[in-house]
Amino acid sequence: MNTEDVDMVNHPPHYTSTKYEVIDILEEFFKDDPLLWQCGKYLLRCKGKGNLEQDLSKMIWYAKRRMEREDINDSET
């Protein structure tokens, strides 16, 4: 594939390398939860971007932030 044919804005390869596009999965499962959206984004594309450790570390960062939010909500009730 010619690099000029790759649409890095609308359909980057690390989002479209499988049967389902990442954006469609994220909108279906996490539309009301931006932190889980980020977790899903980093997990779903981690093998296609060339830096598995970095993307998984980012996913963990967002997951921890989401868990911290849950702890705050639990203590307020």
C-alpha atoms as a PDB file:
ATOM      1  CA  MET A   1       0.000   0.000   0.000  1.00  0.00           C
ATOM      2  CA  ASN A   2       1.302   3.413  -0.963  1.00  0.00           C
ATOM      3  CA  THR A   3       1.746   5.722   2.037  1.00  0.00           C
ATOM      4  CA  GLU A   4      -0.227   8.364   0.149  1.00  0.00           C
ATOM      5  CA  ASP A   5      -3.235   5.999   0.214  1.00  0.00           C
ATOM      6  CA  VAL A   6      -3.222   5.761   4.025  1.00  0.00           C
ATOM      7  CA  ASP A   7      -5.738   8.083   5.675  1.00  0.00           C
ATOM      8  CA  MET A   8      -4.100   8.772   9.048  1.00  0.00           C
ATOM      9  CA  VAL A   9      -6.860  11.219  10.043  1.00  0.00           C
ATOM     10  CA  ASN A  10     -10.090   9.387   9.257  1.00  0.00           C
ATOM     11  CA  HIS A  11      -9.065   5.719   9.136  1.00  0.00           C
ATOM     12  CA  PRO A  12      -5.554   5.126  10.510  1.00  0.00           C
ATOM     13  CA  PRO A  13      -4.297   1.541  10.157  1.00  0.00           C
ATOM     14  CA  HIS A  14      -3.976   1.052  13.931  1.00  0.00           C
ATOM     15  CA  TYR A  15      -7.731   1.715  14.206  1.00  0.00           C
ATOM     16  CA  THR A  16      -8.859  -0.296  11.199  1.00  0.00           C
ATOM     17  CA  SER A  17      -6.682  -3.408  11.272  1.00  0.00           C
ATOM     18  CA  THR A  18      -9.541  -5.683  12.349  1.00  0.00           C
ATOM     19  CA  LYS A  19     -13.097  -6.445  11.291  1.00  0.00           C
ATOM     20  CA  TYR A  20     -14.459  -3.606  13.459  1.00  0.00           C
ATOM     21  CA  GLU A  21     -13.165  -0.059  13.552  1.00  0.00           C
ATOM     22  CA  VAL A  22     -12.068   1.036  17.020  1.00  0.00           C
ATOM     23  CA  ILE A  23     -14.319   4.118  17.052  1.00  0.00           C
ATOM     24  CA  ASP A  24     -17.406   1.951  16.522  1.00  0.00           C
ATOM     25  CA  ILE A  25     -16.516  -0.272  19.484  1.00  0.00           C
ATOM     26  CA  LEU A  26     -15.771   2.691  21.741  1.00  0.00           C
ATOM     27  CA  GLU A  27     -19.030   4.443  20.866  1.00  0.00           C
ATOM     28  CA  GLU A  28     -20.998   1.258  21.533  1.00  0.00           C
ATOM     29  CA  PHE A  29     -19.456   0.364  24.889  1.00  0.00           C
ATOM     30  CA  PHE A  30     -18.119   3.572  26.478  1.00  0.00           C
ATOM     31  CA  LYS A  31     -20.065   6.521  25.064  1.00  0.00           C
ATOM     32  CA  ASP A  32     -20.820   7.900  28.539  1.00  0.00           C
ATOM     33  CA  ASP A  33     -17.480   7.151  30.202  1.00  0.00           C
ATOM     34  CA  PRO A  34     -14.479   9.025  28.790  1.00  0.00           C
ATOM     35  CA  LEU A  35     -11.919   7.310  31.008  1.00  0.00           C
ATOM     36  CA  LEU A  36     -13.035   3.837  29.985  1.00  0.00           C
ATOM     37  CA  TRP A  37     -13.159   5.106  26.397  1.00  0.00           C
ATOM     38  CA  GLN A  38      -9.455   5.898  26.712  1.00  0.00           C
ATOM     39  CA  CYS A  39      -8.724   2.475  28.241  1.00  0.00           C
ATOM     40  CA  GLY A  40     -10.488   0.805  25.350  1.00  0.00           C
ATOM     41  CA  LYS A  41      -8.736   2.972  22.783  1.00  0.00           C
ATOM     42  CA  TYR A  42      -5.268   2.159  24.059  1.00  0.00           C
ATOM     43  CA  LEU A  43      -6.034  -1.534  24.496  1.00  0.00           C
ATOM     44  CA  LEU A  44      -7.652  -2.015  21.100  1.00  0.00           C
ATOM     45  CA  ARG A  45      -4.856  -0.368  19.146  1.00  0.00           C
ATOM     46  CA  CYS A  46      -1.824  -1.315  21.257  1.00  0.00           C
ATOM     47  CA  LYS A  47      -0.554  -4.032  18.928  1.00  0.00           C
ATOM     48  CA  GLY A  48      -0.763  -1.868  15.820  1.00  0.00           C
ATOM     49  CA  LYS A  49       1.146   1.255  16.803  1.00  0.00           C
ATOM     50  CA  GLY A  50       4.595  -0.171  17.446  1.00  0.00           C
ATOM     51  CA  ASN A  51       4.952   0.581  21.152  1.00  0.00           C
ATOM     52  CA  LEU A  52       2.992  -2.047  23.073  1.00  0.00           C
ATOM     53  CA  GLU A  53       4.464  -1.188  26.471  1.00  0.00           C
ATOM     54  CA  GLN A  54       3.670   2.522  26.132  1.00  0.00           C
ATOM     55  CA  ASP A  55       0.072   1.977  25.047  1.00  0.00           C
ATOM     56  CA  LEU A  56      -0.582  -0.591  27.783  1.00  0.00           C
ATOM     57  CA  SER A  57       0.947   1.767  30.348  1.00  0.00           C
ATOM     58  CA  LYS A  58      -1.385   4.529  29.162  1.00  0.00           C
ATOM     59  CA  MET A  59      -4.326   2.154  29.394  1.00  0.00           C
ATOM     60  CA  ILE A  60      -3.366   1.307  32.982  1.00  0.00           C
ATOM     61  CA  TRP A  61      -3.027   5.011  33.830  1.00  0.00           C
ATOM     62  CA  TYR A  62      -6.577   5.690  32.632  1.00  0.00           C
ATOM     63  CA  ALA A  63      -7.894   2.565  34.393  1.00  0.00           C
ATOM     64  CA  LYS A  64      -6.353   3.667  37.695  1.00  0.00           C
ATOM     65  CA  ARG A  65      -7.842   7.127  37.291  1.00  0.00           C
ATOM     66  CA  ARG A  66     -11.248   5.552  36.643  1.00  0.00           C
ATOM     67  CA  MET A  67     -10.909   3.350  39.739  1.00  0.00           C
ATOM     68  CA  GLU A  68      -9.971   6.403  41.822  1.00  0.00           C
ATOM     69  CA  ARG A  69     -13.144   8.147  40.642  1.00  0.00           C
ATOM     70  CA  GLU A  70     -15.166   5.115  41.737  1.00  0.00           C
ATOM     71  CA  ASP A  71     -13.565   5.236  45.194  1.00  0.00           C
ATOM     72  CA  ILE A  72     -14.556   8.910  45.555  1.00  0.00           C
ATOM     73  CA  ASN A  73     -18.141   8.148  44.565  1.00  0.00           C
ATOM     74  CA  ASP A  74     -18.329   5.194  46.979  1.00  0.00           C
ATOM     75  CA  SER A  75     -17.143   7.280  49.956  1.00  0.00           C
ATOM     76  CA  GLU A  76     -19.719  10.001  49.283  1.00  0.00           C
ATOM     77  CA  THR A  77     -22.728   7.700  49.543  1.00  0.00           C
END
